[in-house]
Amino acid sequence: MKSQKQPTKRIYLDDYILQKDMRVRLPKELIKNLQIYPGKTYFEIYFDPSQKEIILVVKNSD
């Protein structure tokens, strides 16, 4: 089982609508600050049902 990272403080960036084809757009500032690349960067996706939160974690390219 993978170890889950505990959330630290959260920074609100913006809100977005779920696209009809199920995509969620990431804010451009997030892409710049995390140095992630469209079509190349993978994310680990976690769901916290008690808080109804979706958590995206940049996956290390090990």
PDB file of N, CA and C in Angstrom:
ATOM      1  N   MET A   1       0.842  -1.184   0.000  1.00  0.00           N
ATOM      2  CA  MET A   1       0.000   0.000   0.000  1.00  0.00           C
ATOM      3  C   MET A   1       0.884   1.243   0.000  1.00  0.00           C
ATOM      4  N   LYS A   2       0.534   2.212  -0.831  1.00  0.00           N
ATOM      5  CA  LYS A   2       1.320   3.442  -0.906  1.00  0.00           C
ATOM      6  C   LYS A   2       1.089   4.293   0.333  1.00  0.00           C
ATOM      7  N   SER A   3       2.131   5.012   0.721  1.00  0.00           N
ATOM      8  CA  SER A   3       1.970   5.916   1.856  1.00  0.00           C
ATOM      9  C   SER A   3       1.311   7.200   1.366  1.00  0.00           C
ATOM     10  N   GLN A   4       0.348   7.666   2.113  1.00  0.00           N
ATOM     11  CA  GLN A   4      -0.356   8.885   1.736  1.00  0.00           C
ATOM     12  C   GLN A   4       0.268  10.069   2.441  1.00  0.00           C
ATOM     13  N   LYS A   5       0.404  11.163   1.714  1.00  0.00           N
ATOM     14  CA  LYS A   5       0.954  12.377   2.294  1.00  0.00           C
ATOM     15  C   LYS A   5      -0.153  13.103   3.049  1.00  0.00           C
ATOM     16  N   GLN A   6       0.160  13.615   4.197  1.00  0.00           N
ATOM     17  CA  GLN A   6      -0.802  14.376   4.971  1.00  0.00           C
ATOM     18  C   GLN A   6      -0.877  15.791   4.424  1.00  0.00           C
ATOM     19  N   PRO A   7      -2.091  16.325   4.283  1.00  0.00           N
ATOM     20  CA  PRO A   7      -2.214  17.680   3.741  1.00  0.00           C
ATOM     21  C   PRO A   7      -1.604  18.718   4.677  1.00  0.00           C
ATOM     22  N   THR A   8      -0.952  19.683   4.087  1.00  0.00           N
ATOM     23  CA  THR A   8      -0.437  20.807   4.863  1.00  0.00           C
ATOM     24  C   THR A   8      -1.436  21.940   4.699  1.00  0.00           C
ATOM     25  N   LYS A   9      -0.977  23.161   4.603  1.00  0.00           N
ATOM     26  CA  LYS A   9      -1.961  24.222   4.435  1.00  0.00           C
ATOM     27  C   LYS A   9      -2.386  24.311   2.978  1.00  0.00           C
ATOM     28  N   ARG A  10      -3.611  24.719   2.760  1.00  0.00           N
ATOM     29  CA  ARG A  10      -4.168  24.792   1.418  1.00  0.00           C
ATOM     30  C   ARG A  10      -4.189  26.235   0.949  1.00  0.00           C
ATOM     31  N   ILE A  11      -3.960  26.408  -0.341  1.00  0.00           N
ATOM     32  CA  ILE A  11      -4.008  27.726  -0.963  1.00  0.00           C
ATOM     33  C   ILE A  11      -5.095  27.680  -2.032  1.00  0.00           C
ATOM     34  N   TYR A  12      -6.117  28.488  -1.888  1.00  0.00           N
ATOM     35  CA  TYR A  12      -7.195  28.532  -2.879  1.00  0.00           C
ATOM     36  C   TYR A  12      -6.681  29.186  -4.155  1.00  0.00           C
ATOM     37  N   LEU A  13      -6.915  28.547  -5.299  1.00  0.00           N
ATOM     38  CA  LEU A  13      -6.472  29.090  -6.574  1.00  0.00           C
ATOM     39  C   LEU A  13      -7.631  29.589  -7.420  1.00  0.00           C
ATOM     40  N   ASP A  14      -8.663  28.811  -7.576  1.00  0.00           N
ATOM     41  CA  ASP A  14      -9.796  29.184  -8.418  1.00  0.00           C
ATOM     42  C   ASP A  14     -10.795  28.040  -8.380  1.00  0.00           C
ATOM     43  N   ASP A  15     -11.942  28.222  -9.013  1.00  0.00           N
ATOM     44  CA  ASP A  15     -12.865  27.107  -9.155  1.00  0.00           C
ATOM     45  C   ASP A  15     -13.171  26.903 -10.632  1.00  0.00           C
ATOM     46  N   TYR A  16     -13.396  25.648 -10.994  1.00  0.00           N
ATOM     47  CA  TYR A  16     -13.604  25.275 -12.385  1.00  0.00           C
ATOM     48  C   TYR A  16     -14.762  24.306 -12.487  1.00  0.00           C
ATOM     49  N   ILE A  17     -15.428  24.349 -13.637  1.00  0.00           N
ATOM     50  CA  ILE A  17     -16.526  23.418 -13.891  1.00  0.00           C
ATOM     51  C   ILE A  17     -15.962  22.129 -14.497  1.00  0.00           C
ATOM     52  N   LEU A  18     -16.581  21.016 -14.172  1.00  0.00           N
ATOM     53  CA  LEU A  18     -16.215  19.745 -14.771  1.00  0.00           C
ATOM     54  C   LEU A  18     -16.683  19.771 -16.227  1.00  0.00           C
ATOM     55  N   GLN A  19     -15.769  19.571 -17.162  1.00  0.00           N
ATOM     56  CA  GLN A  19     -16.102  19.604 -18.587  1.00  0.00           C
ATOM     57  C   GLN A  19     -16.989  18.411 -18.945  1.00  0.00           C
ATOM     58  N   LYS A  20     -17.732  18.531 -20.040  1.00  0.00           N
ATOM     59  CA  LYS A  20     -18.627  17.448 -20.464  1.00  0.00           C
ATOM     60  C   LYS A  20     -17.885  16.157 -20.755  1.00  0.00           C
ATOM     61  N   ASP A  21     -16.621  16.254 -21.176  1.00  0.00           N
ATOM     62  CA  ASP A  21     -15.843  15.040 -21.453  1.00  0.00           C
ATOM     63  C   ASP A  21     -15.051  14.597 -20.220  1.00  0.00           C
ATOM     64  N   MET A  22     -15.430  15.077 -19.033  1.00  0.00           N
ATOM     65  CA  MET A  22     -14.906  14.680 -17.727  1.00  0.00           C
ATOM     66  C   MET A  22     -13.533  15.263 -17.395  1.00  0.00           C
ATOM     67  N   ARG A  23     -13.056  16.244 -18.154  1.00  0.00           N
ATOM     68  CA  ARG A  23     -11.773  16.875 -17.851  1.00  0.00           C
ATOM     69  C   ARG A  23     -11.948  17.971 -16.807  1.00  0.00           C
ATOM     70  N   VAL A  24     -10.890  18.235 -16.072  1.00  0.00           N
ATOM     71  CA  VAL A  24     -10.817  19.364 -15.150  1.00  0.00           C
ATOM     72  C   VAL A  24      -9.584  20.159 -15.552  1.00  0.00           C
ATOM     73  N   ARG A  25      -9.773  21.437 -15.813  1.00  0.00           N
ATOM     74  CA  ARG A  25      -8.648  22.272 -16.226  1.00  0.00           C
ATOM     75  C   ARG A  25      -7.835  22.697 -15.005  1.00  0.00           C
ATOM     76  N   LEU A  26      -6.517  22.709 -15.158  1.00  0.00           N
ATOM     77  CA  LEU A  26      -5.645  23.184 -14.089  1.00  0.00           C
ATOM     78  C   LEU A  26      -5.293  24.639 -14.348  1.00  0.00           C
ATOM     79  N   PRO A  27      -5.257  25.464 -13.300  1.00  0.00           N
ATOM     80  CA  PRO A  27      -4.867  26.867 -13.484  1.00  0.00           C
ATOM     81  C   PRO A  27      -3.441  26.973 -14.037  1.00  0.00           C
ATOM     82  N   LYS A  28      -3.215  27.931 -14.941  1.00  0.00           N
ATOM     83  CA  LYS A  28      -1.898  28.109 -15.548  1.00  0.00           C
ATOM     84  C   LYS A  28      -0.820  28.381 -14.508  1.00  0.00           C
ATOM     85  N   GLU A  29      -1.142  29.112 -13.458  1.00  0.00           N
ATOM     86  CA  GLU A  29      -0.152  29.398 -12.410  1.00  0.00           C
ATOM     87  C   GLU A  29       0.290  28.122 -11.712  1.00  0.00           C
ATOM     88  N   LEU A  30      -0.612  27.183 -11.548  1.00  0.00           N
ATOM     89  CA  LEU A  30      -0.269  25.905 -10.938  1.00  0.00           C
ATOM     90  C   LEU A  30       0.714  25.146 -11.828  1.00  0.00           C
ATOM     91  N   ILE A  31       0.461  25.165 -13.119  1.00  0.00           N
ATOM     92  CA  ILE A  31       1.344  24.486 -14.068  1.00  0.00           C
ATOM     93  C   ILE A  31       2.740  25.092 -14.027  1.00  0.00           C
ATOM     94  N   LYS A  32       2.819  26.413 -13.968  1.00  0.00           N
ATOM     95  CA  LYS A  32       4.121  27.089 -13.919  1.00  0.00           C
ATOM     96  C   LYS A  32       4.857  26.794 -12.613  1.00  0.00           C
ATOM     97  N   ASN A  33       4.164  26.897 -11.491  1.00  0.00           N
ATOM     98  CA  ASN A  33       4.802  26.755 -10.177  1.00  0.00           C
ATOM     99  C   ASN A  33       5.221  25.320  -9.867  1.00  0.00           C
ATOM    100  N   LEU A  34       4.513  24.341 -10.393  1.00  0.00           N
ATOM    101  CA  LEU A  34       4.860  22.947 -10.132  1.00  0.00           C
ATOM    102  C   LEU A  34       5.787  22.367 -11.190  1.00  0.00           C
ATOM    103  N   GLN A  35       6.056  23.130 -12.230  1.00  0.00           N
ATOM    104  CA  GLN A  35       6.882  22.668 -13.348  1.00  0.00           C
ATOM    105  C   GLN A  35       6.367  21.328 -13.874  1.00  0.00           C
ATOM    106  N   ILE A  36       5.072  21.311 -14.194  1.00  0.00           N
ATOM    107  CA  ILE A  36       4.447  20.136 -14.793  1.00  0.00           C
ATOM    108  C   ILE A  36       4.196  20.427 -16.263  1.00  0.00           C
ATOM    109  N   TYR A  37       4.062  19.368 -17.062  1.00  0.00           N
ATOM    110  CA  TYR A  37       3.978  19.530 -18.504  1.00  0.00           C
ATOM    111  C   TYR A  37       2.765  18.792 -19.055  1.00  0.00           C
ATOM    112  N   PRO A  38       1.868  19.523 -19.759  1.00  0.00           N
ATOM    113  CA  PRO A  38       0.685  18.878 -20.337  1.00  0.00           C
ATOM    114  C   PRO A  38       1.077  17.717 -21.253  1.00  0.00           C
ATOM    115  N   GLY A  39       0.423  16.579 -21.078  1.00  0.00           N
ATOM    116  CA  GLY A  39       0.693  15.404 -21.886  1.00  0.00           C
ATOM    117  C   GLY A  39       1.887  14.587 -21.431  1.00  0.00           C
ATOM    118  N   LYS A  40       2.594  15.047 -20.389  1.00  0.00           N
ATOM    119  CA  LYS A  40       3.786  14.335 -19.925  1.00  0.00           C
ATOM    120  C   LYS A  40       3.753  14.000 -18.435  1.00  0.00           C
ATOM    121  N   THR A  41       3.162  14.865 -17.627  1.00  0.00           N
ATOM    122  CA  THR A  41       3.174  14.708 -16.171  1.00  0.00           C
ATOM    123  C   THR A  41       2.031  13.808 -15.711  1.00  0.00           C
ATOM    124  N   TYR A  42       2.342  12.864 -14.824  1.00  0.00           N
ATOM    125  CA  TYR A  42       1.339  11.979 -14.228  1.00  0.00           C
ATOM    126  C   TYR A  42       1.011  12.438 -12.814  1.00  0.00           C
ATOM    127  N   PHE A  43      -0.228  12.155 -12.399  1.00  0.00           N
ATOM    128  CA  PHE A  43      -0.684  12.474 -11.051  1.00  0.00           C
ATOM    129  C   PHE A  43      -1.186  11.214 -10.372  1.00  0.00           C
ATOM    130  N   GLU A  44      -0.958  11.115  -9.071  1.00  0.00           N
ATOM    131  CA  GLU A  44      -1.632  10.124  -8.241  1.00  0.00           C
ATOM    132  C   GLU A  44      -2.927  10.804  -7.799  1.00  0.00           C
ATOM    133  N   ILE A  45      -4.043  10.090  -7.865  1.00  0.00           N
ATOM    134  CA  ILE A  45      -5.343  10.669  -7.533  1.00  0.00           C
ATOM    135  C   ILE A  45      -5.882   9.971  -6.286  1.00  0.00           C
ATOM    136  N   TYR A  46      -6.207  10.765  -5.274  1.00  0.00           N
ATOM    137  CA  TYR A  46      -6.761  10.248  -4.023  1.00  0.00           C
ATOM    138  C   TYR A  46      -8.127  10.885  -3.799  1.00  0.00           C
ATOM    139  N   PHE A  47      -8.985  10.166  -3.094  1.00  0.00           N
ATOM    140  CA  PHE A  47     -10.310  10.671  -2.748  1.00  0.00           C
ATOM    141  C   PHE A  47     -10.513  10.533  -1.252  1.00  0.00           C
ATOM    142  N   ASP A  48     -10.904  11.623  -0.611  1.00  0.00           N
ATOM    143  CA  ASP A  48     -11.215  11.617   0.817  1.00  0.00           C
ATOM    144  C   ASP A  48     -12.738  11.717   0.948  1.00  0.00           C
ATOM    145  N   PRO A  49     -13.424  10.588   1.156  1.00  0.00           N
ATOM    146  CA  PRO A  49     -14.890  10.615   1.195  1.00  0.00           C
ATOM    147  C   PRO A  49     -15.463  11.401   2.368  1.00  0.00           C
ATOM    148  N   SER A  50     -14.752  11.450   3.478  1.00  0.00           N
ATOM    149  CA  SER A  50     -15.290  12.177   4.635  1.00  0.00           C
ATOM    150  C   SER A  50     -15.310  13.688   4.390  1.00  0.00           C
ATOM    151  N   GLN A  51     -14.362  14.176   3.608  1.00  0.00           N
ATOM    152  CA  GLN A  51     -14.293  15.611   3.307  1.00  0.00           C
ATOM    153  C   GLN A  51     -14.800  15.932   1.898  1.00  0.00           C
ATOM    154  N   LYS A  52     -15.126  14.888   1.118  1.00  0.00           N
ATOM    155  CA  LYS A  52     -15.535  15.043  -0.282  1.00  0.00           C
ATOM    156  C   LYS A  52     -14.487  15.831  -1.065  1.00  0.00           C
ATOM    157  N   GLU A  53     -13.233  15.385  -0.935  1.00  0.00           N
ATOM    158  CA  GLU A  53     -12.116  16.050  -1.586  1.00  0.00           C
ATOM    159  C   GLU A  53     -11.402  15.111  -2.550  1.00  0.00           C
ATOM    160  N   ILE A  54     -10.968  15.677  -3.661  1.00  0.00           N
ATOM    161  CA  ILE A  54     -10.120  14.980  -4.611  1.00  0.00           C
ATOM    162  C   ILE A  54      -8.736  15.593  -4.475  1.00  0.00           C
ATOM    163  N   ILE A  55      -7.733  14.747  -4.314  1.00  0.00           N
ATOM    164  CA  ILE A  55      -6.366  15.230  -4.117  1.00  0.00           C
ATOM    165  C   ILE A  55      -5.514  14.734  -5.271  1.00  0.00           C
ATOM    166  N   LEU A  56      -4.820  15.655  -5.938  1.00  0.00           N
ATOM    167  CA  LEU A  56      -3.889  15.308  -7.006  1.00  0.00           C
ATOM    168  C   LEU A  56      -2.482  15.503  -6.478  1.00  0.00           C
ATOM    169  N   VAL A  57      -1.641  14.486  -6.634  1.00  0.00           N
ATOM    170  CA  VAL A  57      -0.257  14.543  -6.198  1.00  0.00           C
ATOM    171  C   VAL A  57       0.605  14.275  -7.419  1.00  0.00           C
ATOM    172  N   VAL A  58       1.556  15.174  -7.694  1.00  0.00           N
ATOM    173  CA  VAL A  58       2.451  14.964  -8.832  1.00  0.00           C
ATOM    174  C   VAL A  58       3.240  13.681  -8.581  1.00  0.00           C
ATOM    175  N   LYS A  59       3.182  12.770  -9.547  1.00  0.00           N
ATOM    176  CA  LYS A  59       3.854  11.475  -9.399  1.00  0.00           C
ATOM    177  C   LYS A  59       5.328  11.630  -9.779  1.00  0.00           C
ATOM    178  N   ASN A  60       6.178  11.127  -8.903  1.00  0.00           N
ATOM    179  CA  ASN A  60       7.615  11.145  -9.193  1.00  0.00           C
ATOM    180  C   ASN A  60       7.905  10.209 -10.342  1.00  0.00           C
ATOM    181  N   SER A  61       8.806  10.589 -11.199  1.00  0.00           N
ATOM    182  CA  SER A  61       9.158   9.752 -12.357  1.00  0.00           C
ATOM    183  C   SER A  61      10.329   8.831 -12.008  1.00  0.00           C
ATOM    184  N   ASP A  62      10.103   7.971 -10.999  1.00  0.00           N
ATOM    185  CA  ASP A  62      11.149   7.031 -10.549  1.00  0.00           C
ATOM    186  C   ASP A  62      11.317   5.899 -11.527  1.00  0.00           C
TER     187      ASP A  62
END
